[in-house]
C-alpha atoms as a PDB file:
ATOM      1  CA  UNK A   1    -114.863 216.492 -11.053  1.00  0.00           C
ATOM      2  CA  UNK A   2    -111.342 217.787 -11.428  1.00  0.00           C
ATOM      3  CA  UNK A   3    -108.408 215.528 -12.215  1.00  0.00           C
ATOM      4  CA  UNK A   4    -105.170 216.636 -10.575  1.00  0.00           C
ATOM      5  CA  UNK A   5    -101.710 215.105 -10.877  1.00  0.00           C
ATOM      6  CA  UNK A   6     -98.989 214.950  -8.255  1.00  0.00           C
ATOM      7  CA  UNK A   7     -95.806 216.714  -9.404  1.00  0.00           C
ATOM      8  CA  UNK A   8     -93.945 213.407  -9.709  1.00  0.00           C
ATOM      9  CA  UNK A   9     -96.657 212.039 -12.001  1.00  0.00           C
ATOM     10  CA  UNK A  10     -96.440 215.137 -14.196  1.00  0.00           C
ATOM     11  CA  UNK A  11     -92.668 214.653 -14.329  1.00  0.00           C
ATOM     12  CA  UNK A  12     -93.192 211.043 -15.360  1.00  0.00           C
ATOM     13  CA  UNK A  13     -95.113 212.202 -18.435  1.00  0.00           C
ATOM     14  CA  UNK A  14     -92.246 214.521 -19.384  1.00  0.00           C
ATOM     15  CA  UNK A  15     -89.798 211.633 -19.079  1.00  0.00           C
ATOM     16  CA  UNK A  16     -92.117 209.135 -20.780  1.00  0.00           C
ATOM     17  CA  UNK A  17     -91.785 210.753 -24.184  1.00  0.00           C
ATOM     18  CA  UNK A  18     -87.984 210.585 -23.991  1.00  0.00           C
ATOM     19  CA  UNK A  19     -88.008 206.983 -22.806  1.00  0.00           C
ATOM     20  CA  UNK A  20     -90.350 205.869 -25.577  1.00  0.00           C
ATOM     21  CA  UNK A  21     -88.228 207.580 -28.206  1.00  0.00           C
ATOM     22  CA  UNK A  22     -84.873 206.375 -26.828  1.00  0.00           C
ATOM     23  CA  UNK A  23     -86.100 202.771 -26.639  1.00  0.00           C
ATOM     24  CA  UNK A  24     -87.270 202.982 -30.275  1.00  0.00           C
ATOM     25  CA  UNK A  25     -90.968 202.570 -29.565  1.00  0.00           C
ATOM     26  CA  UNK A  26     -91.363 205.600 -31.811  1.00  0.00           C
ATOM     27  CA  UNK A  27     -89.201 206.500 -34.778  1.00  0.00           C
ATOM     28  CA  UNK A  28     -89.774 210.211 -34.366  1.00  0.00           C
ATOM     29  CA  UNK A  29     -89.514 212.140 -31.130  1.00  0.00           C
ATOM     30  CA  UNK A  30     -92.584 214.197 -32.060  1.00  0.00           C
ATOM     31  CA  UNK A  31     -94.684 211.006 -32.134  1.00  0.00           C
ATOM     32  CA  UNK A  32     -93.467 209.972 -28.680  1.00  0.00           C
ATOM     33  CA  UNK A  33     -94.297 213.428 -27.341  1.00  0.00           C
ATOM     34  CA  UNK A  34     -97.745 213.270 -28.950  1.00  0.00           C
ATOM     35  CA  UNK A  35     -98.385 209.806 -27.423  1.00  0.00           C
ATOM     36  CA  UNK A  36     -97.475 211.004 -23.903  1.00  0.00           C
ATOM     37  CA  UNK A  37     -99.531 214.178 -24.338  1.00  0.00           C
ATOM     38  CA  UNK A  38    -102.584 212.270 -25.602  1.00  0.00           C
ATOM     39  CA  UNK A  39    -102.342 209.804 -22.707  1.00  0.00           C
ATOM     40  CA  UNK A  40    -102.169 212.690 -20.233  1.00  0.00           C
ATOM     41  CA  UNK A  41    -105.128 214.436 -21.884  1.00  0.00           C
ATOM     42  CA  UNK A  42    -107.154 211.219 -21.982  1.00  0.00           C
ATOM     43  CA  UNK A  43    -106.625 210.695 -18.257  1.00  0.00           C
ATOM     44  CA  UNK A  44    -107.400 214.317 -17.442  1.00  0.00           C
ATOM     45  CA  UNK A  45    -110.579 214.346 -19.522  1.00  0.00           C
ATOM     46  CA  UNK A  46    -112.060 210.901 -18.962  1.00  0.00           C
ATOM     47  CA  UNK A  47    -110.880 209.531 -15.592  1.00  0.00           C
ATOM     48  CA  UNK A  48    -114.152 210.451 -13.827  1.00  0.00           C
ATOM     49  CA  UNK A  49    -116.142 208.332 -16.319  1.00  0.00           C
ATOM     50  CA  UNK A  50    -113.868 205.275 -16.214  1.00  0.00           C
ATOM     51  CA  UNK A  51    -114.716 202.099 -14.336  1.00  0.00           C
ATOM     52  CA  UNK A  52    -112.770 202.140 -11.082  1.00  0.00           C
ATOM     53  CA  UNK A  53    -111.338 199.247  -9.085  1.00  0.00           C
ATOM     54  CA  UNK A  54    -109.842 199.136  -5.620  1.00  0.00           C
ATOM     55  CA  UNK A  55    -106.067 199.084  -5.857  1.00  0.00           C
ATOM     56  CA  UNK A  56    -104.243 196.076  -4.387  1.00  0.00           C
ATOM     57  CA  UNK A  57    -102.346 196.571  -1.127  1.00  0.00           C
ATOM     58  CA  UNK A  58     -99.034 196.620  -3.030  1.00  0.00           C
ATOM     59  CA  UNK A  59     -99.852 200.117  -4.296  1.00  0.00           C
ATOM     60  CA  UNK A  60    -100.619 201.597  -0.864  1.00  0.00           C
ATOM     61  CA  UNK A  61     -97.170 203.196  -0.932  1.00  0.00           C
ATOM     62  CA  UNK A  62     -98.662 205.649  -3.447  1.00  0.00           C
ATOM     63  CA  UNK A  63    -101.557 206.763  -1.263  1.00  0.00           C
ATOM     64  CA  UNK A  64    -104.438 205.786   0.984  1.00  0.00           C
ATOM     65  CA  UNK A  65    -107.630 204.166  -0.268  1.00  0.00           C
ATOM     66  CA  UNK A  66    -106.394 204.129  -3.845  1.00  0.00           C
ATOM     67  CA  UNK A  67    -108.474 203.141  -6.800  1.00  0.00           C
ATOM     68  CA  UNK A  68    -107.286 202.574 -10.322  1.00  0.00           C
ATOM     69  CA  UNK A  69    -108.640 202.782 -13.844  1.00  0.00           C
ATOM     70  CA  UNK A  70    -107.362 201.249 -17.074  1.00  0.00           C
ATOM     71  CA  UNK A  71    -106.553 203.187 -20.228  1.00  0.00           C
ATOM     72  CA  UNK A  72    -105.926 201.019 -23.268  1.00  0.00           C
ATOM     73  CA  UNK A  73    -103.744 202.799 -25.819  1.00  0.00           C
ATOM     74  CA  UNK A  74    -103.199 199.968 -28.308  1.00  0.00           C
ATOM     75  CA  UNK A  75    -103.298 196.182 -28.617  1.00  0.00           C
ATOM     76  CA  UNK A  76    -100.189 195.701 -26.488  1.00  0.00           C
ATOM     77  CA  UNK A  77    -100.239 198.477 -23.898  1.00  0.00           C
ATOM     78  CA  UNK A  78    -102.672 199.321 -21.136  1.00  0.00           C
ATOM     79  CA  UNK A  79    -101.971 202.069 -18.645  1.00  0.00           C
ATOM     80  CA  UNK A  80    -103.056 201.769 -15.016  1.00  0.00           C
ATOM     81  CA  UNK A  81    -103.805 205.075 -13.346  1.00  0.00           C
ATOM     82  CA  UNK A  82    -103.871 205.073  -9.541  1.00  0.00           C
ATOM     83  CA  UNK A  83    -105.680 207.852  -7.748  1.00  0.00           C
ATOM     84  CA  UNK A  84    -107.301 209.064  -4.567  1.00  0.00           C
ATOM     85  CA  UNK A  85    -110.823 210.462  -4.675  1.00  0.00           C
ATOM     86  CA  UNK A  86    -111.816 213.543  -2.702  1.00  0.00           C
ATOM     87  CA  UNK A  87    -115.600 213.709  -2.924  1.00  0.00           C
ATOM     88  CA  UNK A  88    -116.086 216.950  -1.001  1.00  0.00           C
ATOM     89  CA  UNK A  89    -113.509 218.722  -3.138  1.00  0.00           C
ATOM     90  CA  UNK A  90    -114.836 216.911  -6.212  1.00  0.00           C
ATOM     91  CA  UNK A  91    -111.385 215.874  -7.315  1.00  0.00           C
ATOM     92  CA  UNK A  92    -109.331 212.893  -8.344  1.00  0.00           C
ATOM     93  CA  UNK A  93    -105.635 213.074  -7.497  1.00  0.00           C
ATOM     94  CA  UNK A  94    -103.457 210.852  -9.676  1.00  0.00           C
ATOM     95  CA  UNK A  95    -100.635 209.522  -7.525  1.00  0.00           C
ATOM     96  CA  UNK A  96     -99.055 206.876  -9.767  1.00  0.00           C
ATOM     97  CA  UNK A  97     -99.181 205.509 -13.293  1.00  0.00           C
ATOM     98  CA  UNK A  98     -97.766 202.311 -14.751  1.00  0.00           C
ATOM     99  CA  UNK A  99     -98.430 199.977 -17.641  1.00  0.00           C
ATOM    100  CA  UNK A 100     -99.010 196.281 -18.189  1.00  0.00           C
ATOM    101  CA  UNK A 101     -95.342 195.798 -19.111  1.00  0.00           C
ATOM    102  CA  UNK A 102     -94.171 196.923 -15.672  1.00  0.00           C
ATOM    103  CA  UNK A 103     -96.846 196.402 -13.008  1.00  0.00           C
ATOM    104  CA  UNK A 104     -99.421 193.874 -14.161  1.00  0.00           C
ATOM    105  CA  UNK A 105     -97.943 191.184 -11.893  1.00  0.00           C
ATOM    106  CA  UNK A 106     -99.086 193.231  -8.866  1.00  0.00           C
ATOM    107  CA  UNK A 107    -102.715 193.596  -9.946  1.00  0.00           C
END
């Protein structure tokens, strides 16, 4: 199965590296870029194998019949990847991403 990303999700990954560096989560910009790139690659390569859950109604603004999967990056941060599944096209389309620091109250 293919994993595709909406343009706004791809843009989020570009901005994520800058945000992480500017907020001093990483001391070097290269490390922030590497973190964002590795997260993107992990989603792209392993989303089809992840356990999926039905997304709560709150997230319906990001698509219809959404599911989500969890990607744990370290002891304090988990990323929640929301996606639509297109079985006939054999594709997952990532429509939104957030982490436990920003969206966990809605799950």
